[in-house]
Amino acid sequence: MNLTLIGSTGRTGRHVLTEALRRGHRVTAFTRDAAALRARPHAVVEGDGRDPERMRAAVAGADAVISIINGGDSRDPHRAAQATCTIIQAMTGTGARRLITTPYPIVARKPYLLMWLLHRLLATPYADARDLERAVSASDLDWTIVRLTRLTDRPATGAVAIRRGPLAKPRALPRADAASTLLDIAEEGHLSGMAVNVHGR
């Protein structure tokens, strides 16, 4: 499969890149800093995720695009949503169809106090994630929104749960397991047109 990975040098993106190459996929890595790549993809496109020309170059010919972009902050509050709109436009223009995207932060009901605090402390990335999801769900692409819960750097366990509704209680998810899950979704083509929450068991 021809795979474009956006956010390939991030903590989760590095796992996705390594696992995608191990599975034999042809990977184009999109990153703001090519020097930070730890693995060797088949192609590299360096630039800002909001650059239409660079993004078109990255997604052209892709069977699937996996986008892992951190939510906005006080200096750049709309980063993820704006980059995602650029991705959607580039994919539409080049004929790429399959998009798997990972908005931040987590969606859960419990524990109530913690989630209330998170919504207040992380108001900017939550708003950015909301706008990202609205843009993706309104597109004509074959999309899946994958919300990754409480990511850790622990070794993979292979124990992953996928839920369509809000999580009752968020459970930690190793980044290596998150990477495998994202690639499984891209390969199998299931969960199309859905937003899901992924966590460890």
Protein backbone atom coordinates (compact mmCIF):
# COMPACT_ATOMS: atom_id res chain seq x y z
CA MET A 1 0.00 0.00 0.00
CA ASN A 2 1.16 3.53 -0.76
CA LEU A 3 0.87 5.32 2.57
CA THR A 4 1.38 8.99 3.40
CA LEU A 5 2.17 9.67 7.05
CA ILE A 6 1.75 13.23 8.28
CA GLY A 7 3.45 13.89 11.60
CA SER A 8 6.06 11.21 11.01
CA THR A 9 8.61 12.55 13.49
CA GLY A 10 6.28 12.88 16.47
CA ARG A 11 6.30 10.44 19.36
CA THR A 12 3.42 8.43 17.91
CA GLY A 13 4.28 9.04 14.27
CA ARG A 14 7.68 7.41 14.73
CA HIS A 15 5.98 4.20 15.81
CA VAL A 16 3.61 4.33 12.85
CA LEU A 17 6.48 4.86 10.43
CA THR A 18 8.52 1.98 11.82
CA GLU A 19 5.56 -0.40 11.83
CA ALA A 20 4.41 0.62 8.35
CA LEU A 21 7.85 -0.10 6.93
CA ARG A 22 7.97 -3.42 8.79
CA ARG A 23 4.67 -4.38 7.16
CA GLY A 24 6.09 -3.64 3.73
CA HIS A 25 4.18 -0.48 2.87
CA ARG A 26 5.64 2.23 0.66
CA VAL A 27 5.71 5.27 2.93
CA THR A 28 5.91 8.97 2.12
CA ALA A 29 6.75 10.84 5.32
CA PHE A 30 5.57 14.43 5.69
CA THR A 31 7.39 16.38 8.39
CA ARG A 32 8.51 19.86 9.34
CA ASP A 33 11.99 18.51 10.14
CA ALA A 34 13.32 15.73 7.92
CA ALA A 35 16.51 15.56 9.99
CA ALA A 36 14.44 14.23 12.91
CA LEU A 37 13.36 11.08 11.05
CA ARG A 38 14.62 7.94 12.79
CA ALA A 39 13.59 5.49 10.08
CA ARG A 40 14.04 5.71 6.32
CA PRO A 41 10.78 6.08 4.42
CA HIS A 42 10.65 5.70 0.66
CA ALA A 43 10.03 9.43 0.18
CA VAL A 44 10.13 12.53 2.35
CA VAL A 45 8.24 15.81 1.94
CA GLU A 46 9.36 18.57 4.29
CA GLY A 47 7.21 21.57 5.06
CA ASP A 48 4.40 23.09 7.05
CA GLY A 49 1.16 21.13 7.06
CA ARG A 50 -0.72 24.21 5.87
CA ASP A 51 1.33 24.54 2.66
CA PRO A 52 -1.00 23.39 -0.17
CA GLU A 53 1.74 22.63 -2.68
CA ARG A 54 3.85 20.58 -0.28
CA MET A 55 0.78 18.70 0.91
CA ARG A 56 -0.32 17.87 -2.64
CA ALA A 57 3.14 16.48 -3.29
CA ALA A 58 2.87 14.33 -0.16
CA VAL A 59 -0.57 12.81 -0.75
CA ALA A 60 -0.50 12.34 -4.53
CA GLY A 61 -0.86 8.64 -5.31
CA ALA A 62 -1.57 7.63 -1.72
CA ASP A 63 -3.87 4.69 -1.03
CA ALA A 64 -4.26 6.00 2.52
CA VAL A 65 -3.20 9.06 4.49
CA ILE A 66 -2.63 8.88 8.25
CA SER A 67 -2.49 12.28 9.90
CA ILE A 68 -1.14 12.75 13.43
CA ILE A 69 -1.03 16.46 14.25
CA ASN A 70 -0.84 17.94 17.75
CA GLY A 71 -3.67 20.23 18.77
CA GLY A 72 -3.24 23.97 18.86
CA ASP A 73 -1.72 26.02 21.67
CA SER A 74 -1.70 29.68 22.66
CA ARG A 75 0.84 30.54 19.97
CA ASP A 76 -0.86 28.56 17.20
CA PRO A 77 -4.43 27.83 18.32
CA HIS A 78 -5.80 26.43 15.04
CA ARG A 79 -2.82 24.36 13.91
CA ALA A 80 -4.45 20.94 13.63
CA ALA A 81 -7.72 22.11 12.09
CA GLN A 82 -6.01 24.33 9.53
CA ALA A 83 -3.53 21.63 8.51
CA THR A 84 -6.36 19.12 8.24
CA CYS A 85 -8.30 21.43 5.92
CA THR A 86 -5.18 21.64 3.75
CA ILE A 87 -4.90 17.84 3.77
CA ILE A 88 -8.54 17.46 2.72
CA GLN A 89 -8.12 19.94 -0.13
CA ALA A 90 -4.91 18.25 -1.30
CA MET A 91 -6.47 14.80 -1.22
CA THR A 92 -9.55 16.01 -3.07
CA GLY A 93 -7.37 17.63 -5.71
CA THR A 94 -5.14 14.60 -6.26
CA GLY A 95 -7.78 11.88 -6.03
CA ALA A 96 -6.55 10.34 -2.77
CA ARG A 97 -9.54 9.03 -0.82
CA ARG A 98 -8.71 7.27 2.48
CA LEU A 99 -7.98 9.53 5.47
CA ILE A 100 -7.32 8.40 9.04
CA THR A 101 -6.84 11.29 11.44
CA THR A 102 -6.11 11.48 15.16
CA PRO A 103 -7.48 14.58 16.92
CA TYR A 104 -6.31 15.48 20.41
CA PRO A 105 -7.28 15.41 23.26
CA ILE A 106 -9.29 12.52 24.70
CA VAL A 107 -13.07 12.19 24.85
CA ALA A 108 -14.38 10.57 28.03
CA ARG A 109 -17.00 10.97 30.76
CA LYS A 110 -15.08 9.76 33.81
CA PRO A 111 -13.46 10.58 36.09
CA TYR A 112 -15.72 13.63 36.14
CA LEU A 113 -13.39 15.99 38.00
CA LEU A 114 -10.38 15.11 35.86
CA MET A 115 -12.31 15.54 32.60
CA TRP A 116 -13.73 18.87 33.80
CA LEU A 117 -10.22 20.06 34.59
CA LEU A 118 -8.90 18.85 31.24
CA HIS A 119 -11.59 20.74 29.35
CA ARG A 120 -10.68 23.92 31.20
CA LEU A 121 -6.90 23.55 31.07
CA LEU A 122 -6.84 22.33 27.47
CA ALA A 123 -9.58 24.56 26.09
CA THR A 124 -7.53 25.54 23.04
CA PRO A 125 -6.60 22.02 21.86
CA TYR A 126 -10.15 20.81 22.55
CA ALA A 127 -11.54 23.60 20.37
CA ASP A 128 -8.97 22.81 17.68
CA ALA A 129 -9.90 19.11 17.79
CA ARG A 130 -13.60 20.01 17.49
CA ASP A 131 -12.94 22.08 14.37
CA LEU A 132 -10.73 19.32 12.93
CA GLU A 133 -13.46 16.72 13.37
CA ARG A 134 -16.07 18.99 11.82
CA ALA A 135 -13.90 19.54 8.75
CA VAL A 136 -13.18 15.83 8.33
CA SER A 137 -16.77 14.67 8.81
CA ALA A 138 -18.04 17.28 6.34
CA SER A 139 -15.63 16.14 3.63
CA ASP A 140 -16.39 13.69 0.82
CA LEU A 141 -13.37 11.57 1.69
CA ASP A 142 -13.40 8.01 3.00
CA TRP A 143 -12.48 9.06 6.53
CA THR A 144 -12.07 7.65 10.01
CA ILE A 145 -11.46 9.79 13.09
CA VAL A 146 -9.41 7.89 15.68
CA ARG A 147 -9.17 9.43 19.15
CA LEU A 148 -6.17 7.94 20.93
CA THR A 149 -6.45 7.82 24.70
CA ARG A 150 -3.75 8.51 27.32
CA LEU A 151 -0.78 7.59 25.16
CA THR A 152 2.27 6.14 26.90
CA ASP A 153 5.74 5.01 25.86
CA ARG A 154 5.37 1.58 27.46
CA PRO A 155 5.89 -1.59 25.39
CA ALA A 156 3.02 -2.81 23.24
CA THR A 157 0.56 -5.20 24.84
CA GLY A 158 -1.69 -5.97 21.89
CA ALA A 159 -4.70 -5.36 24.14
CA VAL A 160 -6.67 -2.57 22.45
CA ALA A 161 -10.34 -1.61 22.67
CA ILE A 162 -12.18 0.46 20.04
CA ARG A 163 -15.39 2.23 21.09
CA ARG A 164 -17.77 4.37 19.08
CA GLY A 165 -19.22 6.21 22.08
CA PRO A 166 -17.45 8.33 24.71
CA LEU A 167 -15.27 6.32 27.05
CA ALA A 168 -16.62 5.65 30.52
CA LYS A 169 -13.07 5.83 31.85
CA PRO A 170 -9.92 6.47 29.79
CA ARG A 171 -7.29 3.72 30.00
CA ALA A 172 -3.67 4.14 28.95
CA LEU A 173 -2.66 3.11 25.43
CA PRO A 174 0.97 2.38 24.44
CA ARG A 175 2.02 4.32 21.35
CA ALA A 176 3.18 1.11 19.70
CA ASP A 177 -0.35 -0.32 20.04
CA ALA A 178 -1.81 2.93 18.72
CA ALA A 179 0.44 2.66 15.67
CA SER A 180 -0.66 -0.89 14.94
CA THR A 181 -4.31 0.09 15.33
CA LEU A 182 -4.01 3.01 12.92
CA LEU A 183 -2.37 0.79 10.33
CA ASP A 184 -4.96 -1.95 10.81
CA ILE A 185 -7.71 0.59 10.15
CA ALA A 186 -5.91 1.84 7.04
CA GLU A 187 -5.31 -1.66 5.69
CA GLU A 188 -8.70 -3.16 6.42
CA GLY A 189 -10.74 -0.18 5.27
CA HIS A 190 -13.26 -0.66 8.08
CA LEU A 191 -14.73 2.00 10.35
CA SER A 192 -15.32 4.26 7.35
CA GLY A 193 -17.27 7.40 8.17
CA MET A 194 -16.90 6.83 11.92
CA ALA A 195 -15.29 8.55 14.88
CA VAL A 196 -13.95 6.04 17.40
CA ASN A 197 -12.17 6.14 20.74
CA VAL A 198 -9.22 3.79 21.20
CA HIS A 199 -7.76 2.80 24.56
CA GLY A 200 -5.88 -0.01 26.25
CA ARG A 201 -7.59 -2.85 28.07
